[in-house]
Amino acid sequence: MGRILLIIAAIVAALVLLGPLVGFALTLLKWGLIIGVVAFGVMLVSKWVKRT
């Protein structure tokens, strides 16, 4: 019984610690995608301006 409770406590602790790390990783991914889309848009606009 004690071993099962210890395993459950370890899993809960891992999830509690993993939550903010996953959130941080997803935040970095979101900002990376936003910056990529903005850079792609600037590239398209600069190509369009050079052509006209």
C-alpha atoms as a PDB file:
ATOM      1  CA  MET A   1       0.000   0.000   0.000  1.00  0.00           C
ATOM      2  CA  GLY A   2       2.807   2.411   0.853  1.00  0.00           C
ATOM      3  CA  ARG A   3       4.580   1.734  -2.431  1.00  0.00           C
ATOM      4  CA  ILE A   4       1.417   2.473  -4.419  1.00  0.00           C
ATOM      5  CA  LEU A   5       0.925   5.777  -2.590  1.00  0.00           C
ATOM      6  CA  LEU A   6       4.562   6.671  -3.223  1.00  0.00           C
ATOM      7  CA  ILE A   7       4.181   5.963  -6.940  1.00  0.00           C
ATOM      8  CA  ILE A   8       0.984   8.040  -7.084  1.00  0.00           C
ATOM      9  CA  ALA A   9       2.698  10.904  -5.235  1.00  0.00           C
ATOM     10  CA  ALA A  10       5.630  10.751  -7.656  1.00  0.00           C
ATOM     11  CA  ILE A  11       3.294  10.864 -10.659  1.00  0.00           C
ATOM     12  CA  VAL A  12       1.382  13.829  -9.221  1.00  0.00           C
ATOM     13  CA  ALA A  13       4.626  15.665  -8.449  1.00  0.00           C
ATOM     14  CA  ALA A  14       5.899  15.004 -11.985  1.00  0.00           C
ATOM     15  CA  LEU A  15       2.684  16.363 -13.496  1.00  0.00           C
ATOM     16  CA  VAL A  16       2.804  19.447 -11.264  1.00  0.00           C
ATOM     17  CA  LEU A  17       6.393  20.137 -12.346  1.00  0.00           C
ATOM     18  CA  LEU A  18       5.761  19.274 -15.981  1.00  0.00           C
ATOM     19  CA  GLY A  19       2.754  21.594 -16.390  1.00  0.00           C
ATOM     20  CA  PRO A  20       4.642  24.914 -16.351  1.00  0.00           C
ATOM     21  CA  LEU A  21       7.397  23.486 -18.556  1.00  0.00           C
ATOM     22  CA  VAL A  22       4.891  22.370 -21.188  1.00  0.00           C
ATOM     23  CA  GLY A  23       3.157  25.743 -20.982  1.00  0.00           C
ATOM     24  CA  PHE A  24       6.474  27.535 -21.459  1.00  0.00           C
ATOM     25  CA  ALA A  25       7.355  25.332 -24.445  1.00  0.00           C
ATOM     26  CA  LEU A  26       3.969  25.990 -26.053  1.00  0.00           C
ATOM     27  CA  THR A  27       4.370  29.722 -25.448  1.00  0.00           C
ATOM     28  CA  LEU A  28       7.765  29.657 -27.178  1.00  0.00           C
ATOM     29  CA  LEU A  29       6.258  27.695 -30.068  1.00  0.00           C
ATOM     30  CA  LYS A  30       3.401  30.183 -30.380  1.00  0.00           C
ATOM     31  CA  TRP A  31       5.738  33.181 -30.477  1.00  0.00           C
ATOM     32  CA  GLY A  32       8.011  31.391 -32.934  1.00  0.00           C
ATOM     33  CA  LEU A  33       5.076  30.801 -35.258  1.00  0.00           C
ATOM     34  CA  ILE A  34       3.936  34.418 -34.943  1.00  0.00           C
ATOM     35  CA  ILE A  35       7.423  35.729 -35.727  1.00  0.00           C
ATOM     36  CA  GLY A  36       7.693  33.312 -38.655  1.00  0.00           C
ATOM     37  CA  VAL A  37       4.377  34.446 -40.124  1.00  0.00           C
ATOM     38  CA  VAL A  38       5.354  38.105 -39.754  1.00  0.00           C
ATOM     39  CA  ALA A  39       8.736  37.461 -41.407  1.00  0.00           C
ATOM     40  CA  PHE A  40       7.045  35.573 -44.244  1.00  0.00           C
ATOM     41  CA  GLY A  41       4.599  38.444 -44.744  1.00  0.00           C
ATOM     42  CA  VAL A  42       7.421  40.993 -44.823  1.00  0.00           C
ATOM     43  CA  MET A  43       9.242  38.848 -47.378  1.00  0.00           C
ATOM     44  CA  LEU A  44       6.168  38.622 -49.609  1.00  0.00           C
ATOM     45  CA  VAL A  45       5.505  42.359 -49.373  1.00  0.00           C
ATOM     46  CA  SER A  46       9.134  43.213 -50.163  1.00  0.00           C
ATOM     47  CA  LYS A  47       9.070  40.927 -53.220  1.00  0.00           C
ATOM     48  CA  TRP A  48       5.791  42.496 -54.346  1.00  0.00           C
ATOM     49  CA  VAL A  49       7.172  46.032 -53.900  1.00  0.00           C
ATOM     50  CA  LYS A  50      10.327  45.191 -55.897  1.00  0.00           C
ATOM     51  CA  ARG A  51       8.255  43.788 -58.761  1.00  0.00           C
ATOM     52  CA  THR A  52       6.007  46.834 -59.144  1.00  0.00           C
END
